[in-house]
Amino acid sequence: QQQIGASTTSAVILGIARDTRDFHADPSSGARHGLTLEFAGGPLGGTNDFYKVIGDSAWYFPVVWDTVFAPRARLGFAHSYTPGSLLPIGDRFFVGGIQTMRGFEFGRAGPVSSIDSFSILGATKQLIFNLDYIFPIAPELKVKGVLFFDYGKGFEDGETLGLNLRPTSGVEVRWISPFGPLRLAYGLNLDPRVGDQVGVFEFSVGSLF
């Protein structure tokens, strides 16, 4: 409600990455590490003054029988550096959903309204660990299964970053289809709170990373 109205973001975004994966759409070995820095406002103009940093590291280790162990870690934080200004809603971290924490609805692994427990607020910090064990189901059709454990959280304004995170686990099916990677995932929330669903089914089409 405090951000109703028009605002302008003028920013510079710098990113660097190193990618040694053998096949970006369906990797079985290698790793990808990336760092993104964003600076908005100040001498660049605009009405929003903030900085944002995101680190992302994913590894792929071949195991046996064409299976792969794939751990991933993400750390991000953003902050408005002008007294009295707010971090724009669209630049907050929304932890929860198939791209971040399976087993949560979008954004619900982060801050929610204390009034109704349903409105998601977005976070100023995030820490996410994804552990995937990938195994073939129909190799000739490029269909694979995934057993996963996710452990992460979006942190409220002023909350200290720590390892007291939210756990989920579940299964996923991935198909490298002619029109791009297709994902179907069902995750169980291992520590549900008021307003949370115990299980969440989701799908996506596009890049796995």
C-alpha atoms as a PDB file:
ATOM      1  CA  GLN A   1       0.000   0.000   0.000  1.00  0.00           C
ATOM      2  CA  GLN A   2       2.891   2.365   0.728  1.00  0.00           C
ATOM      3  CA  GLN A   3       4.115   2.003  -2.864  1.00  0.00           C
ATOM      4  CA  ILE A   4       0.872   2.772  -4.683  1.00  0.00           C
ATOM      5  CA  GLY A   5       1.532   5.141  -7.577  1.00  0.00           C
ATOM      6  CA  ALA A   6       4.209   5.585 -10.221  1.00  0.00           C
ATOM      7  CA  SER A   7       7.945   5.154  -9.693  1.00  0.00           C
ATOM      8  CA  THR A   8      10.998   4.917 -11.912  1.00  0.00           C
ATOM      9  CA  THR A   9      14.002   2.634 -11.682  1.00  0.00           C
ATOM     10  CA  SER A  10      17.200   3.554 -13.512  1.00  0.00           C
ATOM     11  CA  ALA A  11      19.813   0.872 -12.924  1.00  0.00           C
ATOM     12  CA  VAL A  12      23.044  -0.724 -14.036  1.00  0.00           C
ATOM     13  CA  ILE A  13      23.167  -4.538 -13.880  1.00  0.00           C
ATOM     14  CA  LEU A  14      26.460  -6.421 -14.117  1.00  0.00           C
ATOM     15  CA  GLY A  15      26.719 -10.188 -14.274  1.00  0.00           C
ATOM     16  CA  ILE A  16      29.479 -12.757 -14.527  1.00  0.00           C
ATOM     17  CA  ALA A  17      29.159 -16.534 -14.871  1.00  0.00           C
ATOM     18  CA  ARG A  18      31.254 -19.616 -15.485  1.00  0.00           C
ATOM     19  CA  ASP A  19      29.503 -22.595 -17.074  1.00  0.00           C
ATOM     20  CA  THR A  20      31.161 -26.013 -17.532  1.00  0.00           C
ATOM     21  CA  ARG A  21      27.982 -28.101 -17.913  1.00  0.00           C
ATOM     22  CA  ASP A  22      28.074 -30.713 -20.644  1.00  0.00           C
ATOM     23  CA  PHE A  23      24.535 -29.910 -21.891  1.00  0.00           C
ATOM     24  CA  HIS A  24      22.740 -26.838 -20.570  1.00  0.00           C
ATOM     25  CA  ALA A  25      19.184 -28.202 -20.992  1.00  0.00           C
ATOM     26  CA  ASP A  26      19.879 -31.554 -19.331  1.00  0.00           C
ATOM     27  CA  PRO A  27      23.334 -31.591 -17.699  1.00  0.00           C
ATOM     28  CA  SER A  28      24.947 -34.698 -16.239  1.00  0.00           C
ATOM     29  CA  SER A  29      28.314 -33.212 -15.251  1.00  0.00           C
ATOM     30  CA  GLY A  30      29.970 -29.857 -14.729  1.00  0.00           C
ATOM     31  CA  ALA A  31      28.833 -26.762 -12.860  1.00  0.00           C
ATOM     32  CA  ARG A  32      27.498 -23.262 -13.292  1.00  0.00           C
ATOM     33  CA  HIS A  33      28.412 -20.362 -11.014  1.00  0.00           C
ATOM     34  CA  GLY A  34      27.065 -16.854 -11.396  1.00  0.00           C
ATOM     35  CA  LEU A  35      27.090 -13.472  -9.671  1.00  0.00           C
ATOM     36  CA  THR A  36      24.770 -10.563 -10.492  1.00  0.00           C
ATOM     37  CA  LEU A  37      25.136  -7.023  -9.149  1.00  0.00           C
ATOM     38  CA  GLU A  38      22.509  -4.313  -9.591  1.00  0.00           C
ATOM     39  CA  PHE A  39      22.739  -0.655  -8.591  1.00  0.00           C
ATOM     40  CA  ALA A  40      19.775   1.684  -9.040  1.00  0.00           C
ATOM     41  CA  GLY A  41      19.253   5.378  -8.444  1.00  0.00           C
ATOM     42  CA  GLY A  42      21.785   7.847  -7.091  1.00  0.00           C
ATOM     43  CA  PRO A  43      23.710   9.381 -10.008  1.00  0.00           C
ATOM     44  CA  LEU A  44      21.680   7.249 -12.436  1.00  0.00           C
ATOM     45  CA  GLY A  45      18.459   9.090 -11.614  1.00  0.00           C
ATOM     46  CA  GLY A  46      15.022   7.627 -11.109  1.00  0.00           C
ATOM     47  CA  THR A  47      12.981   7.520  -7.912  1.00  0.00           C
ATOM     48  CA  ASN A  48      14.145   4.134  -6.595  1.00  0.00           C
ATOM     49  CA  ASP A  49      17.507   3.925  -4.818  1.00  0.00           C
ATOM     50  CA  PHE A  50      18.682   0.384  -4.034  1.00  0.00           C
ATOM     51  CA  TYR A  51      21.325  -2.259  -4.613  1.00  0.00           C
ATOM     52  CA  LYS A  52      20.856  -5.981  -5.167  1.00  0.00           C
ATOM     53  CA  VAL A  53      23.315  -8.886  -5.155  1.00  0.00           C
ATOM     54  CA  ILE A  54      22.558 -12.482  -6.198  1.00  0.00           C
ATOM     55  CA  GLY A  55      24.960 -15.434  -6.119  1.00  0.00           C
ATOM     56  CA  ASP A  56      24.040 -18.791  -7.668  1.00  0.00           C
ATOM     57  CA  SER A  57      26.045 -22.030  -7.745  1.00  0.00           C
ATOM     58  CA  ALA A  58      24.898 -25.378  -9.188  1.00  0.00           C
ATOM     59  CA  TRP A  59      26.854 -28.630  -9.490  1.00  0.00           C
ATOM     60  CA  TYR A  60      26.183 -31.882 -11.369  1.00  0.00           C
ATOM     61  CA  PHE A  61      27.866 -35.109 -10.268  1.00  0.00           C
ATOM     62  CA  PRO A  62      27.396 -38.383 -12.210  1.00  0.00           C
ATOM     63  CA  VAL A  63      26.615 -41.278  -9.843  1.00  0.00           C
ATOM     64  CA  VAL A  64      25.621 -44.747 -11.197  1.00  0.00           C
ATOM     65  CA  TRP A  65      23.288 -46.031 -13.919  1.00  0.00           C
ATOM     66  CA  ASP A  66      23.056 -42.612 -15.579  1.00  0.00           C
ATOM     67  CA  THR A  67      21.860 -40.946 -12.386  1.00  0.00           C
ATOM     68  CA  VAL A  68      23.054 -37.496 -11.306  1.00  0.00           C
ATOM     69  CA  PHE A  69      23.312 -35.743  -7.949  1.00  0.00           C
ATOM     70  CA  ALA A  70      22.709 -32.024  -8.442  1.00  0.00           C
ATOM     71  CA  PRO A  71      23.071 -29.628  -5.471  1.00  0.00           C
ATOM     72  CA  ARG A  72      22.414 -25.927  -5.893  1.00  0.00           C
ATOM     73  CA  ALA A  73      22.790 -22.918  -3.570  1.00  0.00           C
ATOM     74  CA  ARG A  74      21.495 -19.358  -3.977  1.00  0.00           C
ATOM     75  CA  LEU A  75      22.102 -16.301  -1.838  1.00  0.00           C
ATOM     76  CA  GLY A  76      20.652 -12.883  -2.462  1.00  0.00           C
ATOM     77  CA  PHE A  77      20.129  -9.612  -0.675  1.00  0.00           C
ATOM     78  CA  ALA A  78      18.748  -6.211  -1.642  1.00  0.00           C
ATOM     79  CA  HIS A  79      18.495  -2.957   0.246  1.00  0.00           C
ATOM     80  CA  SER A  80      17.329   0.588  -0.267  1.00  0.00           C
ATOM     81  CA  TYR A  81      20.212   2.899   0.655  1.00  0.00           C
ATOM     82  CA  THR A  82      18.300   6.207   0.902  1.00  0.00           C
ATOM     83  CA  PRO A  83      16.751   6.945   4.330  1.00  0.00           C
ATOM     84  CA  GLY A  84      12.983   6.715   4.223  1.00  0.00           C
ATOM     85  CA  SER A  85      12.820   5.018   0.807  1.00  0.00           C
ATOM     86  CA  LEU A  86      11.527   1.484   0.234  1.00  0.00           C
ATOM     87  CA  LEU A  87      12.804  -1.398  -1.828  1.00  0.00           C
ATOM     88  CA  PRO A  88      10.398  -1.665  -4.799  1.00  0.00           C
ATOM     89  CA  ILE A  89       7.957  -4.580  -4.588  1.00  0.00           C
ATOM     90  CA  GLY A  90       9.077  -5.936  -7.955  1.00  0.00           C
ATOM     91  CA  ASP A  91      12.696  -6.113  -6.836  1.00  0.00           C
ATOM     92  CA  ARG A  92      12.063  -8.098  -3.653  1.00  0.00           C
ATOM     93  CA  PHE A  93      12.706 -11.851  -3.477  1.00  0.00           C
ATOM     94  CA  PHE A  94       9.653 -14.095  -3.726  1.00  0.00           C
ATOM     95  CA  VAL A  95      10.801 -17.475  -2.410  1.00  0.00           C
ATOM     96  CA  GLY A  96       8.402 -20.312  -3.086  1.00  0.00           C
ATOM     97  CA  GLY A  97       7.345 -22.061  -6.278  1.00  0.00           C
ATOM     98  CA  ILE A  98       8.896 -24.428  -8.787  1.00  0.00           C
ATOM     99  CA  GLN A  99      11.787 -22.065  -9.609  1.00  0.00           C
ATOM    100  CA  THR A 100      12.894 -21.641  -5.998  1.00  0.00           C
ATOM    101  CA  MET A 101      11.235 -23.799  -3.301  1.00  0.00           C
ATOM    102  CA  ARG A 102       9.059 -26.657  -4.535  1.00  0.00           C
ATOM    103  CA  GLY A 103       6.275 -27.527  -2.095  1.00  0.00           C
ATOM    104  CA  PHE A 104       5.411 -23.850  -1.536  1.00  0.00           C
ATOM    105  CA  GLU A 105       3.078 -21.620  -3.478  1.00  0.00           C
ATOM    106  CA  PHE A 106       4.738 -18.612  -5.086  1.00  0.00           C
ATOM    107  CA  GLY A 107       6.370 -16.391  -2.463  1.00  0.00           C
ATOM    108  CA  ARG A 108       5.046 -18.255   0.591  1.00  0.00           C
ATOM    109  CA  ALA A 109       8.481 -19.393   1.788  1.00  0.00           C
ATOM    110  CA  GLY A 110       9.118 -15.758   2.611  1.00  0.00           C
ATOM    111  CA  PRO A 111       7.330 -13.027   4.575  1.00  0.00           C
ATOM    112  CA  VAL A 112       3.516 -13.047   4.580  1.00  0.00           C
ATOM    113  CA  SER A 113       1.034 -10.584   6.046  1.00  0.00           C
ATOM    114  CA  SER A 114       0.555 -10.800   9.809  1.00  0.00           C
ATOM    115  CA  ILE A 115      -3.047  -9.704   9.287  1.00  0.00           C
ATOM    116  CA  ASP A 116      -4.435 -12.444   7.065  1.00  0.00           C
ATOM    117  CA  SER A 117      -1.510 -14.913   6.593  1.00  0.00           C
ATOM    118  CA  PHE A 118      -2.308 -15.056   2.887  1.00  0.00           C
ATOM    119  CA  SER A 119      -0.817 -11.900   1.369  1.00  0.00           C
ATOM    120  CA  ILE A 120       2.815 -12.400   0.334  1.00  0.00           C
ATOM    121  CA  LEU A 121       5.125  -9.458   0.997  1.00  0.00           C
ATOM    122  CA  GLY A 122       8.432 -10.406  -0.605  1.00  0.00           C
ATOM    123  CA  ALA A 123      11.823 -10.578   1.094  1.00  0.00           C
ATOM    124  CA  THR A 124      14.962  -8.462   1.216  1.00  0.00           C
ATOM    125  CA  LYS A 125      17.203 -11.530   1.597  1.00  0.00           C
ATOM    126  CA  GLN A 126      17.036 -15.111   0.381  1.00  0.00           C
ATOM    127  CA  LEU A 127      18.963 -18.303   1.042  1.00  0.00           C
ATOM    128  CA  ILE A 128      18.002 -21.429  -0.894  1.00  0.00           C
ATOM    129  CA  PHE A 129      19.481 -24.932  -1.097  1.00  0.00           C
ATOM    130  CA  ASN A 130      18.148 -27.457  -3.623  1.00  0.00           C
ATOM    131  CA  LEU A 131      19.305 -31.080  -3.564  1.00  0.00           C
ATOM    132  CA  ASP A 132      18.204 -33.119  -6.606  1.00  0.00           C
ATOM    133  CA  TYR A 133      18.790 -36.786  -7.382  1.00  0.00           C
ATOM    134  CA  ILE A 134      18.029 -37.226 -11.082  1.00  0.00           C
ATOM    135  CA  PHE A 135      17.371 -40.630 -12.657  1.00  0.00           C
ATOM    136  CA  PRO A 136      16.242 -41.819 -16.119  1.00  0.00           C
ATOM    137  CA  ILE A 137      12.648 -42.967 -16.694  1.00  0.00           C
ATOM    138  CA  ALA A 138      12.446 -43.218 -20.491  1.00  0.00           C
ATOM    139  CA  PRO A 139      15.870 -42.345 -21.922  1.00  0.00           C
ATOM    140  CA  GLU A 140      14.742 -42.673 -25.540  1.00  0.00           C
ATOM    141  CA  LEU A 141      12.080 -40.015 -24.905  1.00  0.00           C
ATOM    142  CA  LYS A 142      14.374 -37.873 -22.747  1.00  0.00           C
ATOM    143  CA  VAL A 143      12.152 -38.262 -19.689  1.00  0.00           C
ATOM    144  CA  LYS A 144      13.737 -38.186 -16.234  1.00  0.00           C
ATOM    145  CA  GLY A 145      12.587 -38.296 -12.644  1.00  0.00           C
ATOM    146  CA  VAL A 146      13.859 -36.258  -9.708  1.00  0.00           C
ATOM    147  CA  LEU A 147      13.796 -36.854  -5.969  1.00  0.00           C
ATOM    148  CA  PHE A 148      14.393 -33.523  -4.269  1.00  0.00           C
ATOM    149  CA  PHE A 149      14.918 -31.868  -0.927  1.00  0.00           C
ATOM    150  CA  ASP A 150      14.677 -28.078  -0.777  1.00  0.00           C
ATOM    151  CA  TYR A 151      15.744 -25.991   2.204  1.00  0.00           C
ATOM    152  CA  GLY A 152      15.377 -22.244   2.024  1.00  0.00           C
ATOM    153  CA  LYS A 153      13.620 -19.073   3.032  1.00  0.00           C
ATOM    154  CA  GLY A 154      12.985 -15.437   2.214  1.00  0.00           C
ATOM    155  CA  PHE A 155      13.845 -13.122   5.120  1.00  0.00           C
ATOM    156  CA  GLU A 156      11.822 -10.172   6.383  1.00  0.00           C
ATOM    157  CA  ASP A 157      13.106  -6.600   6.625  1.00  0.00           C
ATOM    158  CA  GLY A 158      15.525  -6.447   9.551  1.00  0.00           C
ATOM    159  CA  GLU A 159      15.596 -10.232  10.016  1.00  0.00           C
ATOM    160  CA  THR A 160      19.066 -11.719  10.388  1.00  0.00           C
ATOM    161  CA  LEU A 161      20.184 -14.091   7.648  1.00  0.00           C
ATOM    162  CA  GLY A 162      20.612 -17.584   9.105  1.00  0.00           C
ATOM    163  CA  LEU A 163      20.188 -21.309   8.603  1.00  0.00           C
ATOM    164  CA  ASN A 164      16.792 -21.657  10.292  1.00  0.00           C
ATOM    165  CA  LEU A 165      15.097 -22.329   6.954  1.00  0.00           C
ATOM    166  CA  ARG A 166      11.947 -24.021   5.607  1.00  0.00           C
ATOM    167  CA  PRO A 167      12.197 -27.679   4.412  1.00  0.00           C
ATOM    168  CA  THR A 168      10.319 -29.420   1.605  1.00  0.00           C
ATOM    169  CA  SER A 169      10.728 -32.665  -0.323  1.00  0.00           C
ATOM    170  CA  GLY A 170       9.019 -34.374  -3.215  1.00  0.00           C
ATOM    171  CA  VAL A 171       9.223 -35.746  -6.740  1.00  0.00           C
ATOM    172  CA  GLU A 172       9.504 -34.197 -10.166  1.00  0.00           C
ATOM    173  CA  VAL A 173       9.282 -35.386 -13.783  1.00  0.00           C
ATOM    174  CA  ARG A 174      11.326 -33.632 -16.461  1.00  0.00           C
ATOM    175  CA  TRP A 175      10.880 -34.028 -20.206  1.00  0.00           C
ATOM    176  CA  ILE A 176      13.269 -32.439 -22.693  1.00  0.00           C
ATOM    177  CA  SER A 177      10.528 -31.896 -25.250  1.00  0.00           C
ATOM    178  CA  PRO A 178      10.827 -30.443 -28.774  1.00  0.00           C
ATOM    179  CA  PHE A 179       9.430 -27.133 -27.484  1.00  0.00           C
ATOM    180  CA  GLY A 180      11.707 -26.912 -24.438  1.00  0.00           C
ATOM    181  CA  PRO A 181      12.147 -28.530 -21.015  1.00  0.00           C
ATOM    182  CA  LEU A 182       8.859 -29.432 -19.308  1.00  0.00           C
ATOM    183  CA  ARG A 183       8.727 -29.860 -15.513  1.00  0.00           C
ATOM    184  CA  LEU A 184       5.985 -31.398 -13.357  1.00  0.00           C
ATOM    185  CA  ALA A 185       6.693 -31.268  -9.624  1.00  0.00           C
ATOM    186  CA  TYR A 186       4.853 -32.229  -6.449  1.00  0.00           C
ATOM    187  CA  GLY A 187       6.374 -31.047  -3.190  1.00  0.00           C
ATOM    188  CA  LEU A 188       5.443 -31.621   0.436  1.00  0.00           C
ATOM    189  CA  ASN A 189       5.867 -28.827   2.963  1.00  0.00           C
ATOM    190  CA  LEU A 190       7.624 -30.525   5.889  1.00  0.00           C
ATOM    191  CA  ASP A 191       6.923 -27.657   8.295  1.00  0.00           C
ATOM    192  CA  PRO A 192       3.604 -26.046   7.255  1.00  0.00           C
ATOM    193  CA  ARG A 193       2.384 -22.874   8.966  1.00  0.00           C
ATOM    194  CA  VAL A 194      -0.928 -21.049   9.029  1.00  0.00           C
ATOM    195  CA  GLY A 195      -2.096 -20.462   5.457  1.00  0.00           C
ATOM    196  CA  ASP A 196       0.354 -22.948   3.903  1.00  0.00           C
ATOM    197  CA  GLN A 197      -0.697 -25.906   1.818  1.00  0.00           C
ATOM    198  CA  VAL A 198       0.742 -29.266   2.862  1.00  0.00           C
ATOM    199  CA  GLY A 199       1.396 -30.260  -0.746  1.00  0.00           C
ATOM    200  CA  VAL A 200       1.749 -28.226  -3.956  1.00  0.00           C
ATOM    201  CA  PHE A 201       1.690 -29.428  -7.581  1.00  0.00           C
ATOM    202  CA  GLU A 202       3.267 -27.180 -10.226  1.00  0.00           C
ATOM    203  CA  PHE A 203       4.508 -27.276 -13.798  1.00  0.00           C
ATOM    204  CA  SER A 204       6.703 -25.082 -15.956  1.00  0.00           C
ATOM    205  CA  VAL A 205       7.979 -24.924 -19.509  1.00  0.00           C
ATOM    206  CA  GLY A 206      11.361 -23.411 -20.236  1.00  0.00           C
ATOM    207  CA  SER A 207      14.911 -23.526 -18.954  1.00  0.00           C
ATOM    208  CA  LEU A 208      15.668 -25.811 -16.025  1.00  0.00           C
ATOM    209  CA  PHE A 209      18.192 -23.311 -14.608  1.00  0.00           C
END
